Amino acid sequence: MGAYVVRRLWQMVPTLIGVILLVFFLFNWVGGDPAYVLAGLFSNDAQIEAIRRELGLDQPLWVQLWIFVQQVVTFDFGNSWTSGEPVSSLFLSRLPATITLLLPLLVIETVLCLALAVLLAWLRGELIDRVTMVIFTTAMSVSILVFIILGQYFLAYRWGLFPVQGWSDDLWTNLTRYAPLPILLGLLVSIAPNTRLFRSFVIEEVNQEYVRTAYAKGLSRRRVLFVHVLRNSMIPVITFVVSNLPALLLGSFLLERFFGIPGMGREIILAVERSDFPVIKATTVYLAIATMLFNLLGDLLYQVTDPRVELK
């Protein structure tokens, strides 16, 4: 396994080089002149030229590219144009809030949706299965904004079960007081599509030849479904969860923004709105690296789930 991990990490280098080149040329050719963006509307040529010298934009293109490569390698993308805070410090200060929100949400929704999927596959074709699928299909057509607004109004404002907004510096306070409502609403949004998808994974395994063989050998339905079928269904489930981890980070911006959570999702949206190029470039590179590492993690989990999988 160690040799496989080393090979995969080495194979990430060409991909990262491609990402660096793509981000660099997009921001230099498509994004406009950063000096004009940073100087603002009320500026003169001298101010713009001074900003260009400060950012290194007056250097040849290959020098600018080398500067960008150094930023990626050292994880030092300079300061945010909006707040003046170092981008690395900004990430380190905002990421814990996002992890506090998304990690419990990811674990709860994966376990709950998988359990529901197995249960519905067990009751496939029965009334509860059909009714649940209708409810989930209806829930999928409702916008997340509806869940957030109604959840804040009834659960927080009217009934006082949760605070409407807020965040603190204490992890336990956040987990027990401020995070439960956004986690609950995020779960309500994701439970329908994920359960439907996981159910299809389980049903696909149920129709395999080895299941009929297991029944023919006299194994109980419970053992076949919860031991053999569930274990083989984990491969596509792991693929789905791992591939959606970076998207989950970006998808948290609505929850963070509506609940006043100082996380990365909200920071990324603010950076896009304000054309904060250092933050946007850092986010793009970090997400690319995270995606490659998550894919590697998924491959390793395949072998943990199914020892027959060989890592080559």
C-alpha atoms as a PDB file:
ATOM      1  CA  MET A   1       0.000   0.000   0.000  1.00  0.00           C
ATOM      2  CA  GLY A   2       2.861   2.370   0.782  1.00  0.00           C
ATOM      3  CA  ALA A   3       4.269   2.083  -2.732  1.00  0.00           C
ATOM      4  CA  TYR A   4       0.799   2.705  -4.176  1.00  0.00           C
ATOM      5  CA  VAL A   5       0.364   5.877  -2.101  1.00  0.00           C
ATOM      6  CA  VAL A   6       3.774   7.165  -3.209  1.00  0.00           C
ATOM      7  CA  ARG A   7       2.935   6.514  -6.876  1.00  0.00           C
ATOM      8  CA  ARG A   8      -0.406   8.261  -6.547  1.00  0.00           C
ATOM      9  CA  LEU A   9       1.151  11.272  -4.871  1.00  0.00           C
ATOM     10  CA  TRP A  10       3.750  11.453  -7.639  1.00  0.00           C
ATOM     11  CA  GLN A  11       0.994  11.236 -10.277  1.00  0.00           C
ATOM     12  CA  MET A  12      -0.677  14.276  -8.708  1.00  0.00           C
ATOM     13  CA  VAL A  13       2.251  16.498  -9.684  1.00  0.00           C
ATOM     14  CA  PRO A  14       1.339  16.797 -13.432  1.00  0.00           C
ATOM     15  CA  THR A  15      -2.287  17.473 -12.504  1.00  0.00           C
ATOM     16  CA  LEU A  16      -1.253  20.187 -10.064  1.00  0.00           C
ATOM     17  CA  ILE A  17       1.002  21.740 -12.712  1.00  0.00           C
ATOM     18  CA  GLY A  18      -1.957  21.843 -15.093  1.00  0.00           C
ATOM     19  CA  VAL A  19      -4.126  23.487 -12.425  1.00  0.00           C
ATOM     20  CA  ILE A  20      -1.430  26.093 -11.718  1.00  0.00           C
ATOM     21  CA  LEU A  21      -1.073  26.970 -15.414  1.00  0.00           C
ATOM     22  CA  LEU A  22      -4.831  27.120 -15.924  1.00  0.00           C
ATOM     23  CA  VAL A  23      -5.432  29.356 -12.885  1.00  0.00           C
ATOM     24  CA  PHE A  24      -2.512  31.624 -13.758  1.00  0.00           C
ATOM     25  CA  PHE A  25      -3.538  32.266 -17.364  1.00  0.00           C
ATOM     26  CA  LEU A  26      -7.232  32.605 -16.528  1.00  0.00           C
ATOM     27  CA  PHE A  27      -6.570  35.264 -13.912  1.00  0.00           C
ATOM     28  CA  ASN A  28      -4.057  37.120 -16.098  1.00  0.00           C
ATOM     29  CA  TRP A  29      -6.013  37.031 -19.367  1.00  0.00           C
ATOM     30  CA  VAL A  30      -9.671  36.649 -18.441  1.00  0.00           C
ATOM     31  CA  GLY A  31      -9.880  38.210 -14.995  1.00  0.00           C
ATOM     32  CA  GLY A  32      -8.736  41.646 -16.101  1.00  0.00           C
ATOM     33  CA  ASP A  33      -5.904  43.735 -14.684  1.00  0.00           C
ATOM     34  CA  PRO A  34      -5.752  43.131 -10.906  1.00  0.00           C
ATOM     35  CA  ALA A  35      -4.198  46.580 -10.432  1.00  0.00           C
ATOM     36  CA  TYR A  36      -7.372  48.271 -11.705  1.00  0.00           C
ATOM     37  CA  VAL A  37      -9.523  46.052  -9.486  1.00  0.00           C
ATOM     38  CA  LEU A  38      -7.438  46.772  -6.415  1.00  0.00           C
ATOM     39  CA  ALA A  39      -7.076  50.514  -7.097  1.00  0.00           C
ATOM     40  CA  GLY A  40     -10.811  51.094  -7.459  1.00  0.00           C
ATOM     41  CA  LEU A  41     -12.722  53.567  -9.583  1.00  0.00           C
ATOM     42  CA  PHE A  42     -11.165  56.717  -8.148  1.00  0.00           C
ATOM     43  CA  SER A  43      -7.482  56.276  -8.946  1.00  0.00           C
ATOM     44  CA  ASN A  44      -4.888  57.721 -11.250  1.00  0.00           C
ATOM     45  CA  ASP A  45      -2.264  56.163 -13.480  1.00  0.00           C
ATOM     46  CA  ALA A  46       0.497  56.642 -10.908  1.00  0.00           C
ATOM     47  CA  GLN A  47      -1.438  54.721  -8.255  1.00  0.00           C
ATOM     48  CA  ILE A  48      -2.235  51.907 -10.668  1.00  0.00           C
ATOM     49  CA  GLU A  49       1.394  51.655 -11.764  1.00  0.00           C
ATOM     50  CA  ALA A  50       2.537  51.544  -8.134  1.00  0.00           C
ATOM     51  CA  ILE A  51       0.126  48.694  -7.445  1.00  0.00           C
ATOM     52  CA  ARG A  52       1.371  46.857 -10.519  1.00  0.00           C
ATOM     53  CA  ARG A  53       4.957  47.115  -9.256  1.00  0.00           C
ATOM     54  CA  GLU A  54       3.903  45.954  -5.791  1.00  0.00           C
ATOM     55  CA  LEU A  55       2.103  42.908  -7.206  1.00  0.00           C
ATOM     56  CA  GLY A  56       4.883  42.100  -9.656  1.00  0.00           C
ATOM     57  CA  LEU A  57       2.609  42.689 -12.653  1.00  0.00           C
ATOM     58  CA  ASP A  58       5.260  44.790 -14.366  1.00  0.00           C
ATOM     59  CA  GLN A  59       7.515  41.727 -14.565  1.00  0.00           C
ATOM     60  CA  PRO A  60       7.725  39.399 -17.593  1.00  0.00           C
ATOM     61  CA  LEU A  61       5.062  36.697 -17.788  1.00  0.00           C
ATOM     62  CA  TRP A  62       7.422  33.880 -16.841  1.00  0.00           C
ATOM     63  CA  VAL A  63       8.528  35.791 -13.734  1.00  0.00           C
ATOM     64  CA  GLN A  64       4.908  36.255 -12.694  1.00  0.00           C
ATOM     65  CA  LEU A  65       4.319  32.524 -13.232  1.00  0.00           C
ATOM     66  CA  TRP A  66       7.333  31.675 -11.091  1.00  0.00           C
ATOM     67  CA  ILE A  67       6.010  33.937  -8.332  1.00  0.00           C
ATOM     68  CA  PHE A  68       2.685  32.128  -8.471  1.00  0.00           C
ATOM     69  CA  VAL A  69       4.414  28.726  -8.298  1.00  0.00           C
ATOM     70  CA  GLN A  70       6.309  29.891  -5.225  1.00  0.00           C
ATOM     71  CA  GLN A  71       3.027  30.966  -3.652  1.00  0.00           C
ATOM     72  CA  VAL A  72       1.538  27.515  -4.255  1.00  0.00           C
ATOM     73  CA  VAL A  73       4.582  25.667  -2.911  1.00  0.00           C
ATOM     74  CA  THR A  74       4.907  27.855   0.197  1.00  0.00           C
ATOM     75  CA  PHE A  75       1.116  28.237   0.685  1.00  0.00           C
ATOM     76  CA  ASP A  76       1.705  31.982   0.889  1.00  0.00           C
ATOM     77  CA  PHE A  77      -0.657  33.848  -1.433  1.00  0.00           C
ATOM     78  CA  GLY A  78      -0.049  37.229   0.142  1.00  0.00           C
ATOM     79  CA  ASN A  79      -2.759  39.295   1.804  1.00  0.00           C
ATOM     80  CA  SER A  80      -6.443  39.497   1.112  1.00  0.00           C
ATOM     81  CA  TRP A  81      -7.274  42.612  -0.884  1.00  0.00           C
ATOM     82  CA  THR A  82     -10.434  43.133   1.144  1.00  0.00           C
ATOM     83  CA  SER A  83      -9.360  42.622   4.747  1.00  0.00           C
ATOM     84  CA  GLY A  84      -5.564  42.906   4.443  1.00  0.00           C
ATOM     85  CA  GLU A  85      -5.286  39.637   6.386  1.00  0.00           C
ATOM     86  CA  PRO A  86      -2.763  37.040   5.147  1.00  0.00           C
ATOM     87  CA  VAL A  87      -4.601  34.469   3.049  1.00  0.00           C
ATOM     88  CA  SER A  88      -3.023  31.578   4.945  1.00  0.00           C
ATOM     89  CA  SER A  89      -4.188  33.036   8.265  1.00  0.00           C
ATOM     90  CA  LEU A  90      -7.626  33.628   6.805  1.00  0.00           C
ATOM     91  CA  PHE A  91      -7.916  29.954   5.834  1.00  0.00           C
ATOM     92  CA  LEU A  92      -6.642  28.736   9.194  1.00  0.00           C
ATOM     93  CA  SER A  93      -9.094  30.955  11.087  1.00  0.00           C
ATOM     94  CA  ARG A  94     -12.161  30.176   8.930  1.00  0.00           C
ATOM     95  CA  LEU A  95     -11.654  26.464   8.281  1.00  0.00           C
ATOM     96  CA  PRO A  96     -12.384  25.240  11.859  1.00  0.00           C
ATOM     97  CA  ALA A  97     -15.894  26.719  11.739  1.00  0.00           C
ATOM     98  CA  THR A  98     -16.596  24.997   8.426  1.00  0.00           C
ATOM     99  CA  ILE A  99     -15.270  21.664   9.689  1.00  0.00           C
ATOM    100  CA  THR A 100     -17.328  21.995  12.871  1.00  0.00           C
ATOM    101  CA  LEU A 101     -20.421  22.395  10.716  1.00  0.00           C
ATOM    102  CA  LEU A 102     -19.733  19.992   7.853  1.00  0.00           C
ATOM    103  CA  LEU A 103     -18.023  17.030   9.530  1.00  0.00           C
ATOM    104  CA  PRO A 104     -20.988  16.122  11.802  1.00  0.00           C
ATOM    105  CA  LEU A 105     -23.350  16.787   8.889  1.00  0.00           C
ATOM    106  CA  LEU A 106     -21.373  14.478   6.584  1.00  0.00           C
ATOM    107  CA  VAL A 107     -21.188  11.646   9.130  1.00  0.00           C
ATOM    108  CA  ILE A 108     -24.836  11.864  10.186  1.00  0.00           C
ATOM    109  CA  GLU A 109     -26.244  12.123   6.671  1.00  0.00           C
ATOM    110  CA  THR A 110     -24.095   9.261   5.336  1.00  0.00           C
ATOM    111  CA  VAL A 111     -24.989   6.868   8.171  1.00  0.00           C
ATOM    112  CA  LEU A 112     -28.669   7.855   8.224  1.00  0.00           C
ATOM    113  CA  CYS A 113     -29.144   7.785   4.450  1.00  0.00           C
ATOM    114  CA  LEU A 114     -27.392   4.434   4.151  1.00  0.00           C
ATOM    115  CA  ALA A 115     -29.533   2.959   6.936  1.00  0.00           C
ATOM    116  CA  LEU A 116     -32.710   4.261   5.295  1.00  0.00           C
ATOM    117  CA  ALA A 117     -31.568   2.958   1.910  1.00  0.00           C
ATOM    118  CA  VAL A 118     -31.047  -0.549   3.292  1.00  0.00           C
ATOM    119  CA  LEU A 119     -34.404  -0.419   5.080  1.00  0.00           C
ATOM    120  CA  LEU A 120     -36.239   0.721   1.945  1.00  0.00           C
ATOM    121  CA  ALA A 121     -34.483  -1.939  -0.099  1.00  0.00           C
ATOM    122  CA  TRP A 122     -35.673  -4.491   2.475  1.00  0.00           C
ATOM    123  CA  LEU A 123     -39.244  -3.170   2.071  1.00  0.00           C
ATOM    124  CA  ARG A 124     -38.931  -2.683  -1.680  1.00  0.00           C
ATOM    125  CA  GLY A 125     -42.316  -2.501  -3.389  1.00  0.00           C
ATOM    126  CA  GLU A 126     -44.286  -2.214  -0.160  1.00  0.00           C
ATOM    127  CA  LEU A 127     -46.447   0.772   0.733  1.00  0.00           C
ATOM    128  CA  ILE A 128     -43.915   2.415   3.040  1.00  0.00           C
ATOM    129  CA  ASP A 129     -41.276   2.229   0.298  1.00  0.00           C
ATOM    130  CA  ARG A 130     -43.541   3.870  -2.284  1.00  0.00           C
ATOM    131  CA  VAL A 131     -44.779   6.563   0.122  1.00  0.00           C
ATOM    132  CA  THR A 132     -41.227   7.391   1.239  1.00  0.00           C
ATOM    133  CA  MET A 133     -40.047   7.725  -2.353  1.00  0.00           C
ATOM    134  CA  VAL A 134     -42.927  10.110  -3.123  1.00  0.00           C
ATOM    135  CA  ILE A 135     -42.088  12.218  -0.045  1.00  0.00           C
ATOM    136  CA  PHE A 136     -38.400  12.300  -0.953  1.00  0.00           C
ATOM    137  CA  THR A 137     -39.156  13.246  -4.561  1.00  0.00           C
ATOM    138  CA  THR A 138     -41.320  16.120  -3.324  1.00  0.00           C
ATOM    139  CA  ALA A 139     -38.624  17.239  -0.848  1.00  0.00           C
ATOM    140  CA  MET A 140     -36.029  17.327  -3.632  1.00  0.00           C
ATOM    141  CA  SER A 141     -38.088  19.958  -5.461  1.00  0.00           C
ATOM    142  CA  VAL A 142     -37.993  22.352  -2.474  1.00  0.00           C
ATOM    143  CA  SER A 143     -35.175  24.904  -2.439  1.00  0.00           C
ATOM    144  CA  ILE A 144     -32.692  24.930   0.431  1.00  0.00           C
ATOM    145  CA  LEU A 145     -33.674  28.567   1.006  1.00  0.00           C
ATOM    146  CA  VAL A 146     -37.174  27.428   1.961  1.00  0.00           C
ATOM    147  CA  PHE A 147     -35.791  25.010   4.534  1.00  0.00           C
ATOM    148  CA  ILE A 148     -33.488  27.691   5.966  1.00  0.00           C
ATOM    149  CA  ILE A 149     -36.137  30.406   6.189  1.00  0.00           C
ATOM    150  CA  LEU A 150     -38.830  28.144   7.665  1.00  0.00           C
ATOM    151  CA  GLY A 151     -36.325  26.496  10.011  1.00  0.00           C
ATOM    152  CA  GLN A 152     -35.090  29.816  11.353  1.00  0.00           C
ATOM    153  CA  TYR A 153     -38.590  31.204  11.694  1.00  0.00           C
ATOM    154  CA  PHE A 154     -40.294  28.292  13.428  1.00  0.00           C
ATOM    155  CA  LEU A 155     -37.520  26.374  15.194  1.00  0.00           C
ATOM    156  CA  ALA A 156     -35.495  29.411  16.257  1.00  0.00           C
ATOM    157  CA  TYR A 157     -37.609  32.570  16.277  1.00  0.00           C
ATOM    158  CA  ARG A 158     -41.100  31.271  17.155  1.00  0.00           C
ATOM    159  CA  TRP A 159     -40.355  28.206  19.272  1.00  0.00           C
ATOM    160  CA  GLY A 160     -36.942  29.206  20.621  1.00  0.00           C
ATOM    161  CA  LEU A 161     -35.439  25.737  20.273  1.00  0.00           C
ATOM    162  CA  PHE A 162     -32.226  27.090  18.728  1.00  0.00           C
ATOM    163  CA  PRO A 163     -30.522  30.485  18.421  1.00  0.00           C
ATOM    164  CA  VAL A 164     -31.321  32.233  15.156  1.00  0.00           C
ATOM    165  CA  GLN A 165     -27.693  33.094  14.458  1.00  0.00           C
ATOM    166  CA  GLY A 166     -24.339  33.157  16.189  1.00  0.00           C
ATOM    167  CA  TRP A 167     -20.967  31.533  16.667  1.00  0.00           C
ATOM    168  CA  SER A 168     -18.346  31.478  19.417  1.00  0.00           C
ATOM    169  CA  ASP A 169     -14.704  30.602  19.982  1.00  0.00           C
ATOM    170  CA  ASP A 170     -15.573  27.533  22.046  1.00  0.00           C
ATOM    171  CA  LEU A 171     -15.895  24.243  20.132  1.00  0.00           C
ATOM    172  CA  TRP A 172     -18.298  22.603  22.559  1.00  0.00           C
ATOM    173  CA  THR A 173     -20.583  25.651  22.589  1.00  0.00           C
ATOM    174  CA  ASN A 174     -20.679  25.672  18.814  1.00  0.00           C
ATOM    175  CA  LEU A 175     -21.437  21.948  18.596  1.00  0.00           C
ATOM    176  CA  THR A 176     -24.187  22.014  21.202  1.00  0.00           C
ATOM    177  CA  ARG A 177     -25.748  25.446  20.672  1.00  0.00           C
ATOM    178  CA  TYR A 178     -25.059  27.058  17.300  1.00  0.00           C
ATOM    179  CA  ALA A 179     -24.354  24.153  14.917  1.00  0.00           C
ATOM    180  CA  PRO A 180     -27.370  21.833  15.530  1.00  0.00           C
ATOM    181  CA  LEU A 181     -29.926  23.914  13.602  1.00  0.00           C
ATOM    182  CA  PRO A 182     -27.840  24.404  10.415  1.00  0.00           C
ATOM    183  CA  ILE A 183     -26.816  20.718  10.605  1.00  0.00           C
ATOM    184  CA  LEU A 184     -30.471  19.716  10.926  1.00  0.00           C
ATOM    185  CA  LEU A 185     -31.510  21.869   7.961  1.00  0.00           C
ATOM    186  CA  GLY A 186     -28.581  20.621   5.886  1.00  0.00           C
ATOM    187  CA  LEU A 187     -29.658  17.087   6.727  1.00  0.00           C
ATOM    188  CA  LEU A 188     -33.240  17.775   5.643  1.00  0.00           C
ATOM    189  CA  VAL A 189     -31.951  19.021   2.290  1.00  0.00           C
ATOM    190  CA  SER A 190     -29.567  16.123   1.610  1.00  0.00           C
ATOM    191  CA  ILE A 191     -31.481  13.164   3.036  1.00  0.00           C
ATOM    192  CA  ALA A 192     -33.877  12.821   0.100  1.00  0.00           C
ATOM    193  CA  PRO A 193     -31.449  12.753  -2.855  1.00  0.00           C
ATOM    194  CA  ASN A 194     -28.791  10.763  -0.987  1.00  0.00           C
ATOM    195  CA  THR A 195     -31.221   8.118   0.256  1.00  0.00           C
ATOM    196  CA  ARG A 196     -32.666   7.667  -3.223  1.00  0.00           C
ATOM    197  CA  LEU A 197     -29.180   7.276  -4.667  1.00  0.00           C
ATOM    198  CA  PHE A 198     -27.975   4.878  -1.939  1.00  0.00           C
ATOM    199  CA  ARG A 199     -31.179   2.852  -2.327  1.00  0.00           C
ATOM    200  CA  SER A 200     -30.408   2.392  -6.016  1.00  0.00           C
ATOM    201  CA  PHE A 201     -26.904   1.161  -5.078  1.00  0.00           C
ATOM    202  CA  VAL A 202     -28.355  -1.399  -2.649  1.00  0.00           C
ATOM    203  CA  ILE A 203     -31.056  -2.588  -5.055  1.00  0.00           C
ATOM    204  CA  GLU A 204     -28.456  -3.021  -7.800  1.00  0.00           C
ATOM    205  CA  GLU A 205     -26.527  -5.348  -5.495  1.00  0.00           C
ATOM    206  CA  VAL A 206     -29.691  -7.210  -4.506  1.00  0.00           C
ATOM    207  CA  ASN A 207     -30.177  -8.191  -8.146  1.00  0.00           C
ATOM    208  CA  GLN A 208     -26.699  -9.722  -8.421  1.00  0.00           C
ATOM    209  CA  GLU A 209     -26.149 -13.447  -8.891  1.00  0.00           C
ATOM    210  CA  TYR A 210     -24.303 -13.919  -5.585  1.00  0.00           C
ATOM    211  CA  VAL A 211     -27.413 -12.830  -3.666  1.00  0.00           C
ATOM    212  CA  ARG A 212     -29.514 -15.580  -5.240  1.00  0.00           C
ATOM    213  CA  THR A 213     -26.706 -18.022  -4.479  1.00  0.00           C
ATOM    214  CA  ALA A 214     -26.669 -16.921  -0.833  1.00  0.00           C
ATOM    215  CA  TYR A 215     -30.437 -17.439  -0.559  1.00  0.00           C
ATOM    216  CA  ALA A 216     -30.068 -20.854  -2.188  1.00  0.00           C
ATOM    217  CA  LYS A 217     -27.526 -21.817   0.493  1.00  0.00           C
ATOM    218  CA  GLY A 218     -30.101 -21.045   3.159  1.00  0.00           C
ATOM    219  CA  LEU A 219     -28.789 -17.727   4.462  1.00  0.00           C
ATOM    220  CA  SER A 220     -31.393 -15.490   6.060  1.00  0.00           C
ATOM    221  CA  ARG A 221     -32.600 -12.346   4.335  1.00  0.00           C
ATOM    222  CA  ARG A 222     -31.245 -10.246   7.174  1.00  0.00           C
ATOM    223  CA  ARG A 223     -27.745 -11.703   6.886  1.00  0.00           C
ATOM    224  CA  VAL A 224     -27.674 -11.427   3.106  1.00  0.00           C
ATOM    225  CA  LEU A 225     -28.815  -7.810   3.116  1.00  0.00           C
ATOM    226  CA  PHE A 226     -26.912  -6.419   6.090  1.00  0.00           C
ATOM    227  CA  VAL A 227     -23.676  -8.377   5.647  1.00  0.00           C
ATOM    228  CA  HIS A 228     -23.135  -9.174   1.986  1.00  0.00           C
ATOM    229  CA  VAL A 229     -25.236  -6.617   0.103  1.00  0.00           C
ATOM    230  CA  LEU A 230     -24.444  -3.705   2.403  1.00  0.00           C
ATOM    231  CA  ARG A 231     -20.709  -4.328   2.260  1.00  0.00           C
ATOM    232  CA  ASN A 232     -20.648  -4.489  -1.547  1.00  0.00           C
ATOM    233  CA  SER A 233     -22.835  -1.378  -1.757  1.00  0.00           C
ATOM    234  CA  MET A 234     -20.231   0.611   0.146  1.00  0.00           C
ATOM    235  CA  ILE A 235     -17.951   0.928  -2.910  1.00  0.00           C
ATOM    236  CA  PRO A 236     -20.259   3.318  -4.858  1.00  0.00           C
ATOM    237  CA  VAL A 237     -21.269   5.019  -1.601  1.00  0.00           C
ATOM    238  CA  ILE A 238     -17.616   5.788  -0.805  1.00  0.00           C
ATOM    239  CA  THR A 239     -17.124   7.049  -4.370  1.00  0.00           C
ATOM    240  CA  PHE A 240     -20.089   9.392  -4.039  1.00  0.00           C
ATOM    241  CA  VAL A 241     -19.169  10.725  -0.597  1.00  0.00           C
ATOM    242  CA  VAL A 242     -15.483  11.263  -1.395  1.00  0.00           C
ATOM    243  CA  SER A 243     -16.162  12.930  -4.749  1.00  0.00           C
ATOM    244  CA  ASN A 244     -18.633  15.328  -3.121  1.00  0.00           C
ATOM    245  CA  LEU A 245     -16.404  16.459  -0.251  1.00  0.00           C
ATOM    246  CA  PRO A 246     -14.974  19.514  -2.087  1.00  0.00           C
ATOM    247  CA  ALA A 247     -18.436  20.464  -3.344  1.00  0.00           C
ATOM    248  CA  LEU A 248     -19.747  20.148   0.209  1.00  0.00           C
ATOM    249  CA  LEU A 249     -17.238  22.791   1.303  1.00  0.00           C
ATOM    250  CA  LEU A 250     -18.509  25.270  -1.274  1.00  0.00           C
ATOM    251  CA  GLY A 251     -22.119  24.259  -0.692  1.00  0.00           C
ATOM    252  CA  SER A 252     -21.921  25.357   2.928  1.00  0.00           C
ATOM    253  CA  PHE A 253     -21.918  29.051   2.053  1.00  0.00           C
ATOM    254  CA  LEU A 254     -25.716  29.424   2.349  1.00  0.00           C
ATOM    255  CA  LEU A 255     -25.803  27.867   5.808  1.00  0.00           C
ATOM    256  CA  GLU A 256     -22.806  29.924   6.925  1.00  0.00           C
ATOM    257  CA  ARG A 257     -24.196  33.130   5.530  1.00  0.00           C
ATOM    258  CA  PHE A 258     -27.718  32.787   6.925  1.00  0.00           C
ATOM    259  CA  PHE A 259     -26.530  31.648  10.349  1.00  0.00           C
ATOM    260  CA  GLY A 260     -23.626  34.066  10.713  1.00  0.00           C
ATOM    261  CA  ILE A 261     -20.992  31.307  10.801  1.00  0.00           C
ATOM    262  CA  PRO A 262     -17.485  32.653  10.014  1.00  0.00           C
ATOM    263  CA  GLY A 263     -16.505  29.726   7.782  1.00  0.00           C
ATOM    264  CA  MET A 264     -14.786  29.225   4.443  1.00  0.00           C
ATOM    265  CA  GLY A 265     -17.965  28.987   2.391  1.00  0.00           C
ATOM    266  CA  ARG A 266     -19.042  32.495   3.298  1.00  0.00           C
ATOM    267  CA  GLU A 267     -15.494  33.804   2.863  1.00  0.00           C
ATOM    268  CA  ILE A 268     -15.249  32.368  -0.658  1.00  0.00           C
ATOM    269  CA  ILE A 269     -18.514  33.980  -1.740  1.00  0.00           C
ATOM    270  CA  LEU A 270     -17.416  37.331  -0.320  1.00  0.00           C
ATOM    271  CA  ALA A 271     -14.099  37.010  -2.165  1.00  0.00           C
ATOM    272  CA  VAL A 272     -15.918  36.405  -5.462  1.00  0.00           C
ATOM    273  CA  GLU A 273     -18.256  39.349  -4.865  1.00  0.00           C
ATOM    274  CA  ARG A 274     -15.335  41.664  -4.074  1.00  0.00           C
ATOM    275  CA  SER A 275     -12.917  40.294  -6.721  1.00  0.00           C
ATOM    276  CA  ASP A 276     -10.458  39.335  -4.008  1.00  0.00           C
ATOM    277  CA  PHE A 277      -8.048  37.547  -6.366  1.00  0.00           C
ATOM    278  CA  PRO A 278      -5.548  36.181  -3.779  1.00  0.00           C
ATOM    279  CA  VAL A 279      -8.326  34.394  -1.872  1.00  0.00           C
ATOM    280  CA  ILE A 280      -9.947  33.089  -5.059  1.00  0.00           C
ATOM    281  CA  LYS A 281      -6.664  31.767  -6.452  1.00  0.00           C
ATOM    282  CA  ALA A 282      -5.752  30.118  -3.158  1.00  0.00           C
ATOM    283  CA  THR A 283      -9.191  28.531  -2.915  1.00  0.00           C
ATOM    284  CA  THR A 284      -8.961  27.153  -6.447  1.00  0.00           C
ATOM    285  CA  VAL A 285      -5.557  25.578  -5.842  1.00  0.00           C
ATOM    286  CA  TYR A 286      -6.479  24.242  -2.396  1.00  0.00           C
ATOM    287  CA  LEU A 287      -9.682  22.656  -3.709  1.00  0.00           C
ATOM    288  CA  ALA A 288      -7.761  20.995  -6.534  1.00  0.00           C
ATOM    289  CA  ILE A 289      -5.259  19.542  -4.045  1.00  0.00           C
ATOM    290  CA  ALA A 290      -8.080  18.485  -1.702  1.00  0.00           C
ATOM    291  CA  THR A 291      -9.924  16.755  -4.557  1.00  0.00           C
ATOM    292  CA  MET A 292      -6.844  14.721  -5.489  1.00  0.00           C
ATOM    293  CA  LEU A 293      -6.210  13.749  -1.863  1.00  0.00           C
ATOM    294  CA  PHE A 294      -9.859  12.798  -1.335  1.00  0.00           C
ATOM    295  CA  ASN A 295      -9.742  10.575  -4.412  1.00  0.00           C
ATOM    296  CA  LEU A 296      -6.670   8.863  -2.984  1.00  0.00           C
ATOM    297  CA  LEU A 297      -8.484   8.432   0.333  1.00  0.00           C
ATOM    298  CA  GLY A 298     -11.423   6.872  -1.514  1.00  0.00           C
ATOM    299  CA  ASP A 299      -9.145   4.343  -3.215  1.00  0.00           C
ATOM    300  CA  LEU A 300      -7.657   3.356   0.149  1.00  0.00           C
ATOM    301  CA  LEU A 301     -11.115   2.973   1.669  1.00  0.00           C
ATOM    302  CA  TYR A 302     -12.080   0.627  -1.162  1.00  0.00           C
ATOM    303  CA  GLN A 303      -9.552  -1.909   0.041  1.00  0.00           C
ATOM    304  CA  VAL A 304     -10.623  -1.458   3.661  1.00  0.00           C
ATOM    305  CA  THR A 305     -14.226  -2.101   2.665  1.00  0.00           C
ATOM    306  CA  ASP A 306     -13.482  -4.972   0.283  1.00  0.00           C
ATOM    307  CA  PRO A 307     -10.138  -6.790   0.753  1.00  0.00           C
ATOM    308  CA  ARG A 308     -10.536  -8.250  -2.761  1.00  0.00           C
ATOM    309  CA  VAL A 309      -9.756  -4.820  -4.216  1.00  0.00           C
ATOM    310  CA  GLU A 310      -6.131  -4.626  -5.285  1.00  0.00           C
ATOM    311  CA  LEU A 311      -4.309  -1.310  -5.341  1.00  0.00           C
ATOM    312  CA  LYS A 312      -2.031  -1.220  -8.386  1.00  0.00           C
END
